[in-house]
Protein backbone atom coordinates (compact mmCIF):
# COMPACT_ATOMS: atom_id res chain seq x y z
CA MET A 1 -3.46 6.12 19.26
CA SER A 2 -4.56 7.66 22.55
CA GLY A 3 -8.28 7.63 21.67
CA THR A 4 -10.78 4.81 21.37
CA ARG A 5 -9.92 2.07 18.88
CA VAL A 6 -12.87 0.54 17.07
CA ALA A 7 -13.20 -2.58 14.96
CA LEU A 8 -15.86 -4.06 12.72
CA THR A 9 -16.01 -7.62 11.37
CA LEU A 10 -18.05 -8.24 8.23
CA CYS A 11 -18.65 -11.89 7.34
CA ALA A 12 -20.07 -12.70 3.92
CA LEU A 13 -19.40 -16.42 3.54
CA GLY A 14 -22.69 -17.73 4.92
CA GLY A 15 -21.23 -19.80 7.74
CA GLN A 16 -18.65 -21.75 5.73
CA ALA A 17 -16.37 -24.13 7.58
CA GLY A 18 -13.68 -22.26 9.41
CA GLU A 19 -15.56 -18.96 9.64
CA ASP A 20 -16.15 -19.36 13.40
CA ARG A 21 -12.43 -20.02 13.95
CA ALA A 22 -11.52 -16.89 12.01
CA VAL A 23 -13.99 -14.77 14.00
CA ALA A 24 -12.66 -16.19 17.30
CA ALA A 25 -9.09 -15.39 16.21
CA LEU A 26 -10.16 -11.86 15.34
CA GLU A 27 -11.80 -11.36 18.73
CA ALA A 28 -8.55 -12.42 20.42
CA MET A 29 -6.63 -10.01 18.22
CA TYR A 30 -9.00 -7.13 19.01
CA GLN A 31 -8.66 -7.77 22.73
CA ALA A 32 -4.87 -7.92 22.55
CA PHE A 33 -4.69 -4.61 20.65
CA GLY A 34 -7.16 -2.75 22.85
CA PHE A 35 -9.88 -2.46 20.21
CA LYS A 36 -13.52 -2.13 21.09
CA ASN A 37 -15.04 -4.89 19.00
CA CYS A 38 -18.20 -3.85 17.16
CA LEU A 39 -18.67 -7.37 15.83
CA ARG A 40 -21.44 -7.61 13.26
CA GLY A 41 -22.36 -10.73 11.31
CA VAL A 42 -23.63 -9.63 7.92
CA VAL A 43 -26.97 -11.04 6.87
CA LYS A 44 -27.75 -11.94 3.27
CA ALA A 45 -30.04 -8.97 2.66
CA LYS A 46 -27.49 -6.28 3.50
CA SER A 47 -24.47 -4.98 1.61
CA PHE A 48 -21.03 -4.05 2.87
CA GLN A 49 -21.72 -0.39 2.13
CA GLU A 50 -24.91 -0.39 4.20
CA GLU A 51 -23.06 -1.94 7.12
CA LEU A 52 -20.21 0.58 6.83
CA ALA A 53 -22.72 3.45 6.64
CA HIS A 54 -24.27 2.26 9.90
CA PHE A 55 -20.82 1.86 11.43
CA ARG A 56 -19.94 5.42 10.36
CA GLU A 57 -23.08 6.77 12.03
CA LEU A 58 -22.18 4.99 15.26
CA LEU A 59 -18.69 6.47 15.23
CA ASP A 60 -19.90 10.00 14.55
CA ALA A 61 -22.30 9.67 17.47
CA HIS A 62 -19.47 8.52 19.73
CA ARG A 63 -18.62 11.26 22.23
CA ARG A 64 -15.00 10.34 22.84
CA PRO A 65 -12.08 10.81 20.41
CA ILE A 66 -11.42 7.85 18.12
CA SER A 67 -7.83 7.11 17.13
CA CYS A 68 -8.17 4.26 14.63
CA ALA A 69 -10.72 2.06 12.87
CA LEU A 70 -10.11 -1.53 11.77
CA VAL A 71 -12.57 -3.17 9.36
CA VAL A 72 -12.16 -6.87 8.61
CA PHE A 73 -13.84 -8.54 5.63
CA ILE A 74 -14.21 -12.32 5.63
CA ALA A 75 -15.26 -12.59 2.03
CA HIS A 76 -14.48 -13.88 -1.44
CA SER A 77 -12.34 -11.60 -3.55
CA GLY A 78 -12.42 -11.04 -7.29
CA CYS A 79 -9.92 -9.24 -9.45
CA GLN A 80 -7.88 -6.48 -7.92
CA GLY A 81 -10.06 -3.90 -6.19
CA TRP A 82 -13.28 -5.96 -5.94
CA LEU A 83 -15.06 -7.99 -3.25
CA LEU A 84 -18.10 -10.23 -3.40
CA GLY A 85 -20.62 -8.80 -0.94
CA PRO A 86 -23.09 -10.71 1.24
CA ASP A 87 -25.86 -9.87 -1.25
CA GLY A 88 -23.98 -11.74 -3.98
CA ARG A 89 -22.95 -8.59 -5.82
CA GLU A 90 -19.49 -7.27 -6.49
CA VAL A 91 -18.43 -4.09 -4.73
CA GLN A 92 -15.35 -1.99 -5.35
CA GLU A 93 -12.93 -1.48 -2.49
CA LYS A 94 -12.67 2.24 -3.31
CA ASP A 95 -16.41 2.61 -2.60
CA LEU A 96 -15.96 1.02 0.82
CA VAL A 97 -13.07 3.35 1.59
CA GLY A 98 -15.15 6.29 0.40
CA GLU A 99 -17.94 5.37 2.81
CA LEU A 100 -15.61 5.39 5.81
CA ASN A 101 -13.92 8.58 4.59
CA LEU A 102 -17.24 10.36 5.22
CA CYS A 103 -16.84 9.69 8.95
CA GLN A 104 -16.17 12.92 10.84
CA ALA A 105 -14.72 11.07 13.82
CA LEU A 106 -12.05 9.45 11.61
CA TRP A 107 -10.88 12.56 9.78
CA GLY A 108 -7.08 12.39 9.62
CA LYS A 109 -7.04 9.05 11.47
CA ALA A 110 -5.78 5.67 10.30
CA LYS A 111 -8.35 3.42 8.63
CA VAL A 112 -7.18 -0.19 8.30
CA PHE A 113 -8.98 -2.72 6.09
CA LEU A 114 -8.12 -6.42 6.43
CA LEU A 115 -9.35 -8.91 3.83
CA LEU A 116 -9.45 -12.58 4.80
CA GLY A 117 -10.39 -15.08 2.13
CA SER A 118 -12.36 -18.27 2.55
CA PRO A 119 -11.15 -19.66 5.91
CA ASN A 120 -11.42 -23.35 5.00
CA THR A 121 -8.09 -24.23 6.59
CA ASP A 122 -6.17 -23.06 9.60
CA LEU A 123 -3.38 -21.94 7.28
CA GLU A 124 -5.42 -19.33 5.43
CA SER A 125 -6.74 -17.25 8.31
CA ASN A 126 -5.58 -18.41 11.72
CA ALA A 127 -1.88 -18.56 10.87
CA PHE A 128 -1.89 -14.99 9.61
CA LEU A 129 -3.93 -13.66 12.54
CA SER A 130 -2.04 -15.57 15.23
CA ILE A 131 1.36 -14.49 13.88
CA LEU A 132 0.17 -10.88 13.59
CA THR A 133 -1.20 -10.90 17.14
CA ASP A 134 1.91 -12.54 18.58
CA LEU A 135 4.31 -10.12 16.86
CA CYS A 136 2.36 -7.05 17.99
CA ARG A 137 2.22 -8.37 21.57
CA HIS A 138 5.95 -8.99 21.74
CA SER A 139 7.02 -5.99 19.67
CA PRO A 140 5.10 -2.88 20.76
CA HIS A 141 7.89 -0.66 19.45
CA TRP A 142 7.50 -1.94 15.86
CA HIS A 143 5.27 0.11 13.58
CA LEU A 144 2.53 -1.81 11.79
CA LEU A 145 4.15 -1.88 8.33
CA GLU A 146 7.25 -3.39 9.92
CA VAL A 147 5.12 -5.97 11.70
CA LEU A 148 3.21 -6.87 8.53
CA THR A 149 6.48 -7.35 6.64
CA GLN A 150 7.63 -9.85 9.26
CA VAL A 151 4.21 -11.56 9.20
CA ILE A 152 4.45 -12.02 5.43
CA GLY A 153 7.88 -13.58 5.91
CA LYS A 154 6.66 -16.03 8.53
CA VAL A 155 3.41 -16.93 6.76
CA THR A 156 5.09 -17.57 3.40
CA GLN A 157 7.39 -20.10 5.06
CA GLU A 158 4.30 -22.26 5.69
CA MET A 159 2.64 -21.76 2.30
CA PRO A 160 2.28 -24.55 -0.26
CA THR A 161 4.01 -23.77 -3.53
CA ILE A 162 0.90 -24.25 -5.70
CA GLY A 163 -2.50 -22.57 -5.53
CA TYR A 164 -1.70 -19.88 -2.97
CA LYS A 165 -0.82 -16.22 -3.23
CA CYS A 166 1.45 -14.15 -1.05
CA PRO A 167 -0.22 -11.79 1.46
CA ILE A 168 0.36 -8.13 0.64
CA PHE A 169 -0.41 -4.71 2.05
CA GLN A 170 -1.18 -1.40 0.38
CA SER A 171 -0.56 1.79 2.33
CA SER A 172 -1.10 5.53 2.06
CA LEU A 173 -0.44 6.15 5.77
CA ARG A 174 1.21 9.48 6.63
CA GLY A 175 2.89 8.29 9.80
CA ALA A 176 3.96 5.25 11.78
CA LEU A 177 1.03 3.27 13.20
CA TYR A 178 1.45 1.28 16.42
CA PHE A 179 -1.27 -1.09 17.65
CA ARG A 180 0.56 -1.51 20.97
CA ARG A 181 2.71 1.01 22.79
CA THR A 182 3.17 -0.95 26.02
CA ARG A 183 4.26 -4.52 26.60
CA SER A 184 2.53 -7.09 28.79
CA HIS A 185 4.59 -7.88 31.89
CA ASP A 186 4.53 -11.62 31.21
CA LEU A 187 6.07 -11.30 27.75
CA GLU A 188 9.71 -10.92 26.87
CA PRO A 189 10.42 -7.94 24.61
CA SER A 190 11.35 -8.68 21.02
CA PRO A 191 14.34 -6.89 19.48
CA ILE A 192 14.28 -4.84 16.32
CA PRO A 193 13.49 -7.22 13.42
CA GLN A 194 16.56 -9.24 12.50
CA GLU A 195 15.12 -10.41 9.18
CA VAL A 196 16.80 -7.93 6.85
CA TYR A 197 17.58 -8.29 3.15
CA ASP A 198 21.28 -8.87 2.58
CA MET A 199 22.57 -5.84 0.65
CA SER A 200 26.25 -6.80 0.59
CA GLY A 201 26.17 -7.78 -3.09
CA LYS A 202 25.72 -5.80 -6.28
CA LYS A 203 22.80 -3.36 -6.45
CA VAL A 204 21.38 -2.57 -9.88
CA ALA A 205 18.83 -0.14 -11.26
CA LEU A 206 17.02 0.27 -14.57
CA ILE A 207 15.43 3.59 -15.56
CA LEU A 208 12.93 3.69 -18.41
CA CYS A 209 12.00 7.32 -18.96
CA VAL A 210 9.76 8.97 -21.56
CA THR A 211 10.72 12.65 -21.82
CA GLN A 212 8.52 13.54 -24.81
CA ASP A 213 5.82 16.01 -23.66
CA ARG A 214 6.94 15.47 -20.05
CA PHE A 215 8.68 18.69 -19.03
CA GLY A 216 10.76 18.38 -15.88
CA ALA A 217 11.62 14.73 -16.57
CA GLU A 218 15.28 15.67 -17.06
CA GLN A 219 15.36 17.12 -13.52
CA ASP A 220 14.05 13.83 -12.18
CA LEU A 221 16.81 11.96 -14.01
CA LYS A 222 19.43 14.22 -12.42
CA ALA A 223 17.94 13.61 -8.97
CA LEU A 224 17.88 9.84 -9.52
CA LYS A 225 21.52 9.87 -10.64
CA ARG A 226 22.42 11.58 -7.38
CA LEU A 227 20.37 9.02 -5.41
CA PHE A 228 21.99 6.01 -7.05
CA GLN A 229 25.45 7.43 -6.47
CA THR A 230 24.62 7.84 -2.78
CA LEU A 231 23.22 4.31 -2.47
CA GLY A 232 25.87 2.60 -4.58
CA PHE A 233 23.53 1.38 -7.34
CA LYS A 234 24.80 0.68 -10.87
CA SER A 235 22.14 2.08 -13.19
CA ILE A 236 21.10 1.66 -16.81
CA LEU A 237 19.06 4.39 -18.54
CA LYS A 238 16.88 4.04 -21.61
CA MET A 239 15.32 7.25 -22.94
CA ASN A 240 11.97 7.49 -24.70
CA PRO A 241 11.21 3.77 -24.95
CA THR A 242 8.23 2.64 -27.00
CA ALA A 243 5.76 0.24 -25.42
CA GLN A 244 7.65 -2.63 -27.01
CA ASP A 245 10.94 -1.18 -25.77
CA PHE A 246 9.62 -1.25 -22.21
CA ARG A 247 9.09 -5.00 -22.51
CA LYS A 248 12.36 -5.67 -24.35
CA ALA A 249 14.37 -3.63 -21.85
CA LEU A 250 13.03 -5.68 -18.93
CA VAL A 251 13.75 -8.95 -20.72
CA LYS A 252 17.30 -7.83 -21.55
CA PHE A 253 17.80 -6.57 -17.98
CA ARG A 254 16.66 -9.91 -16.55
CA GLU A 255 18.87 -11.89 -18.94
CA ARG A 256 21.87 -9.73 -18.06
CA LEU A 257 21.29 -10.34 -14.35
CA ASP A 258 20.89 -14.09 -14.80
CA ALA A 259 24.19 -14.12 -16.68
CA CYS A 260 25.92 -12.12 -13.93
CA ARG A 261 28.57 -14.12 -12.06
CA THR A 262 28.56 -11.90 -8.97
CA THR A 263 25.92 -11.86 -6.23
CA VAL A 264 23.08 -9.39 -6.87
CA SER A 265 21.34 -8.09 -3.75
CA CYS A 266 18.59 -5.83 -5.07
CA ALA A 267 17.03 -4.54 -8.29
CA LEU A 268 15.32 -1.17 -8.55
CA ILE A 269 13.19 -0.33 -11.59
CA VAL A 270 12.08 3.26 -12.27
CA LEU A 271 9.25 3.70 -14.78
CA MET A 272 8.58 7.31 -15.84
CA ALA A 273 5.93 7.97 -18.46
CA HIS A 274 2.40 9.19 -19.01
CA GLY A 275 0.03 6.73 -17.40
CA GLU A 276 -3.55 5.60 -17.27
CA SER A 277 -5.66 3.70 -14.76
CA GLU A 278 -5.18 0.05 -13.79
CA GLY A 279 -1.41 0.01 -14.19
CA ARG A 280 -0.98 1.08 -17.79
CA LEU A 281 1.86 3.26 -19.06
CA LEU A 282 2.24 4.94 -22.45
CA GLY A 283 5.43 4.43 -24.42
CA ALA A 284 6.96 7.13 -26.59
CA ASP A 285 4.90 5.72 -29.48
CA GLY A 286 1.62 6.28 -27.61
CA GLN A 287 1.02 2.54 -27.19
CA MET A 288 0.20 1.05 -23.80
CA VAL A 289 2.26 -1.34 -21.73
CA GLU A 290 1.04 -3.13 -18.59
CA VAL A 291 3.11 -2.65 -15.44
CA GLU A 292 2.01 -6.13 -14.38
CA GLU A 293 3.89 -7.60 -17.36
CA MET A 294 7.14 -6.01 -16.19
CA VAL A 295 6.65 -7.11 -12.59
CA LYS A 296 6.10 -10.70 -13.67
CA GLU A 297 9.10 -10.57 -16.02
CA LEU A 298 11.47 -9.49 -13.25
CA SER A 299 9.96 -12.02 -10.85
CA THR A 300 11.23 -14.85 -13.09
CA CYS A 301 14.84 -13.71 -12.67
CA GLN A 302 16.71 -16.58 -11.01
CA VAL A 303 19.44 -14.33 -9.59
CA LEU A 304 16.81 -12.23 -7.80
CA GLN A 305 14.94 -15.11 -6.15
CA GLY A 306 14.59 -14.19 -2.48
CA LYS A 307 15.90 -10.68 -3.18
CA ALA A 308 14.04 -7.37 -3.02
CA LYS A 309 12.65 -6.02 -6.28
CA VAL A 310 11.52 -2.38 -6.10
CA PHE A 311 9.41 -0.56 -8.70
CA LEU A 312 9.08 3.23 -8.62
CA LEU A 313 6.29 4.40 -10.90
CA GLN A 314 6.15 8.10 -11.79
CA GLY A 315 3.11 8.63 -13.95
CA CYS A 316 -0.55 9.48 -13.79
CA ARG A 317 -3.01 6.72 -12.91
CA GLY A 318 -6.04 8.54 -14.30
CA GLY A 319 -7.31 12.05 -14.88
CA ASN A 320 -8.95 12.85 -11.53
CA ARG A 321 -7.67 15.72 -9.38
CA ASP A 322 -8.12 15.50 -5.63
CA PRO A 323 -9.47 18.66 -3.93
CA GLY A 324 -8.70 17.04 -0.58
CA MET A 325 -10.81 16.74 2.55
CA ARG A 326 -11.37 19.07 5.45
CA PRO A 327 -13.27 18.42 8.68
CA ARG A 328 -16.94 19.25 8.17
CA PRO A 329 -18.18 21.22 11.21
CA LEU A 330 -21.75 20.52 12.23
CA SER A 331 -22.57 23.94 13.69
CA TRP A 332 -23.11 27.16 11.71
CA LEU A 333 -20.29 28.79 13.73
CA GLY A 334 -17.91 25.99 12.83
CA ARG A 335 -18.82 26.28 9.16
CA TRP A 336 -18.20 30.03 9.27
CA LEU A 337 -14.84 29.58 11.01
CA GLN A 338 -13.77 26.98 8.48
CA HIS A 339 -13.36 29.70 5.86
CA TRP A 340 -10.49 31.04 7.97
CA LEU A 341 -8.72 27.71 8.47
CA PRO A 342 -5.31 27.42 6.75
CA ARG A 343 -4.97 25.19 3.71
CA SER A 344 -2.73 22.90 5.78
CA SER A 345 -5.92 21.56 7.39
CA THR A 346 -6.78 19.85 4.08
CA ILE A 347 -5.54 16.30 3.52
CA PRO A 348 -5.72 14.07 0.44
CA SER A 349 -8.92 12.06 0.14
CA HIS A 350 -7.01 8.78 -0.15
CA ALA A 351 -4.47 9.26 2.64
CA ASP A 352 -4.40 7.35 5.94
CA ILE A 353 -5.61 4.10 4.36
CA LEU A 354 -4.06 0.66 4.86
CA TRP A 355 -5.36 -2.43 3.05
CA VAL A 356 -4.04 -5.82 4.14
CA TYR A 357 -4.80 -8.73 1.83
CA ALA A 358 -4.38 -11.93 3.80
CA ASN A 359 -6.56 -14.07 1.56
CA MET A 360 -4.24 -16.71 0.16
CA GLN A 361 -6.55 -18.54 -2.25
CA ASP A 362 -8.35 -17.30 -5.34
CA VAL A 363 -11.80 -18.54 -4.30
CA PHE A 364 -13.80 -16.15 -6.48
CA SER A 365 -12.52 -14.53 -9.65
CA ARG A 366 -14.36 -11.85 -11.58
CA GLU A 367 -14.80 -12.82 -15.25
CA ASN A 368 -12.96 -16.07 -14.45
CA PHE A 369 -9.60 -14.31 -14.17
CA PRO A 370 -7.50 -14.84 -11.03
CA ARG A 371 -6.83 -11.97 -8.72
CA ASN A 372 -3.52 -10.25 -9.52
CA LEU A 373 -1.62 -10.48 -6.28
CA ASP A 374 2.07 -9.70 -6.28
CA PRO A 375 4.73 -12.39 -6.15
CA VAL A 376 6.85 -12.34 -3.00
CA ASP A 377 9.64 -9.76 -2.40
CA ILE A 378 8.01 -7.05 -4.54
CA LEU A 379 7.66 -3.40 -3.53
CA ARG A 380 5.74 -1.02 -5.77
CA VAL A 381 5.60 2.70 -5.09
CA TYR A 382 3.04 4.69 -7.08
CA SER A 383 3.27 8.47 -7.36
CA ALA A 384 -0.53 8.88 -7.16
CA ALA A 385 -3.64 7.11 -5.97
CA GLU A 386 -5.45 4.90 -8.47
CA GLY A 387 -7.43 7.05 -10.90
CA TYR A 388 -5.59 10.29 -10.09
CA VAL A 389 -3.05 12.66 -11.61
CA ALA A 390 0.65 12.63 -10.69
CA TYR A 391 2.04 16.17 -10.59
CA ARG A 392 5.16 17.42 -12.32
CA ASP A 393 6.53 20.81 -13.43
CA GLU A 394 9.74 22.24 -14.88
CA ASN A 395 11.55 21.38 -11.62
CA GLY A 396 10.62 17.71 -11.86
CA SER A 397 7.91 15.58 -10.29
CA ASP A 398 6.91 16.10 -6.67
CA PHE A 399 7.23 12.35 -6.08
CA ILE A 400 10.77 11.79 -7.42
CA GLN A 401 12.18 15.02 -6.00
CA THR A 402 10.75 14.37 -2.51
CA LEU A 403 11.77 10.70 -2.60
CA VAL A 404 15.38 11.54 -3.40
CA GLU A 405 15.50 14.26 -0.74
CA VAL A 406 14.16 11.99 2.01
CA ILE A 407 16.26 8.91 1.21
CA ILE A 408 19.55 10.80 0.80
CA ALA A 409 18.96 12.46 4.18
CA ASP A 410 18.90 9.05 5.94
CA PRO A 411 19.88 6.26 3.48
CA HIS A 412 20.48 3.63 6.20
CA ARG A 413 16.89 3.73 7.43
CA ASP A 414 14.21 1.13 6.63
CA LEU A 415 12.75 1.94 3.21
CA LEU A 416 9.10 1.59 4.29
CA GLU A 417 9.67 4.17 7.02
CA LEU A 418 11.29 6.50 4.50
CA LEU A 419 8.42 6.08 2.05
CA THR A 420 5.90 6.88 4.79
CA GLU A 421 7.84 10.09 5.43
CA VAL A 422 7.81 10.85 1.68
CA ASN A 423 4.04 10.42 1.71
CA ARG A 424 3.65 12.75 4.69
CA LYS A 425 5.56 15.47 2.86
CA LEU A 426 3.55 14.97 -0.32
CA CYS A 427 0.27 15.10 1.60
CA GLU A 428 1.24 18.46 3.06
CA MET A 429 1.86 19.99 -0.37
CA ASP A 430 -0.66 22.19 -2.18
CA VAL A 431 -0.29 21.71 -5.91
CA LEU A 432 -1.56 23.35 -9.10
CA GLY A 433 -1.68 21.45 -12.35
CA PRO A 434 -1.05 23.11 -15.71
CA ASP A 435 -4.76 23.10 -16.55
CA CYS A 436 -6.18 23.69 -13.06
CA ASP A 437 -6.47 26.98 -11.17
CA GLU A 438 -7.55 25.43 -7.85
CA ILE A 439 -5.42 23.90 -5.11
CA ARG A 440 -5.22 20.11 -5.29
CA LYS A 441 -3.79 17.40 -3.00
CA MET A 442 -1.87 14.20 -3.64
CA ASN A 443 -0.54 11.11 -1.94
CA LEU A 444 1.57 8.15 -2.97
CA GLU A 445 0.60 4.51 -2.63
CA ILE A 446 2.85 1.73 -1.35
CA ARG A 447 2.12 -1.88 -2.30
CA SER A 448 4.37 -4.47 -0.66
CA SER A 449 4.98 -8.19 -0.46
CA LEU A 450 8.42 -7.75 1.10
CA ARG A 451 9.29 -10.40 3.69
CA LYS A 452 12.10 -8.52 5.47
CA ARG A 453 13.25 -5.04 6.34
CA LEU A 454 14.89 -3.31 3.38
CA CYS A 455 17.69 -0.80 3.93
CA LEU A 456 19.13 0.37 0.62
CA LYS A 457 22.48 1.38 2.11
CA VAL A 458 24.33 -0.64 4.74
């Protein structure tokens, strides 16, 4: 973070009440974090993509190194992955990310996107921003995912129980990101976060694994058995479940936990199957099951209220294969030299991205369906970016094998830090699929509404 930090605010609410307060809170946050504020109020005639394209051109023309970009949307949100632009049209978040990924100055750098919903009350925008700013000021030694986890915990304490959704973040960062490295002299330092999930009770795991036409799955099961033994989890395994079996197994698992007389501290669900886009998995019978159904089922477990619920999802999320990105030199000499650069200079196209969803009301819903935001205390870890292949061979999947290796090496460490390390290792890998002769890249995706630090072994 030694280079210039840049920020862009995009407002698409047409001057609704509270918008000025949100913008003022953002300006204070930018100043506290050392960002150069490229504030831009979006006019009705322009789209988010046009504004980001102009922003990208400004950054590429900047002569000094840039370390991080923060883009804030004050806009209505639709179903997962969509925003309502200032021109009244829906735009996909992946298209906005793709626009900023074209920026030469941000190659390999963190790109943070913050979505604020309709700021009609102080609770929705100012509480989130003020808590975030205050925590970063007092805690320069906390990485951003750790800060956001504490912010979610503090904000949810003030939330009404009806009509609001929990803030979440979605990360493919390859390393720890710090907005502040030094502390102001007039502020007392804050200790390492004390809000930690209590793991003194029983820890349970459920593995639902389809092995049919999934060579290497048995190696993943062996690795997971070793992991659970290390962490002290009691696990249940169901092999080759049908789509209906996926649902029934979760219901039975929840009922068993609710009937348990001992304290349960954490539940970990591993879903291993062929997958498709938008959170769909294929059972052994070829029928589809929605991951969202299983998340909601476990969220109703009374024993697990206020406890961490972790989902590990090993499966494809589409059929795309990522060739990765390399810096694009502007000169003919640079383009010639690029042929001699090692493959390690290529990174996944969807790495280094952090989305923060702070909008806490479903103001706009595409096709009249509410946005699917996670309940509180949920951590999902996807083995691939949305729309892309998850890689696996006779030795097991890259995701499960790397995950087990990293966690066993330091099981007492914060899980989000460990997962960021897993992602770094995956991003460095060059992979070949069974039907592809060219090198491809991959990255995992972390989606969290955890309110506290989570250490799986105490």
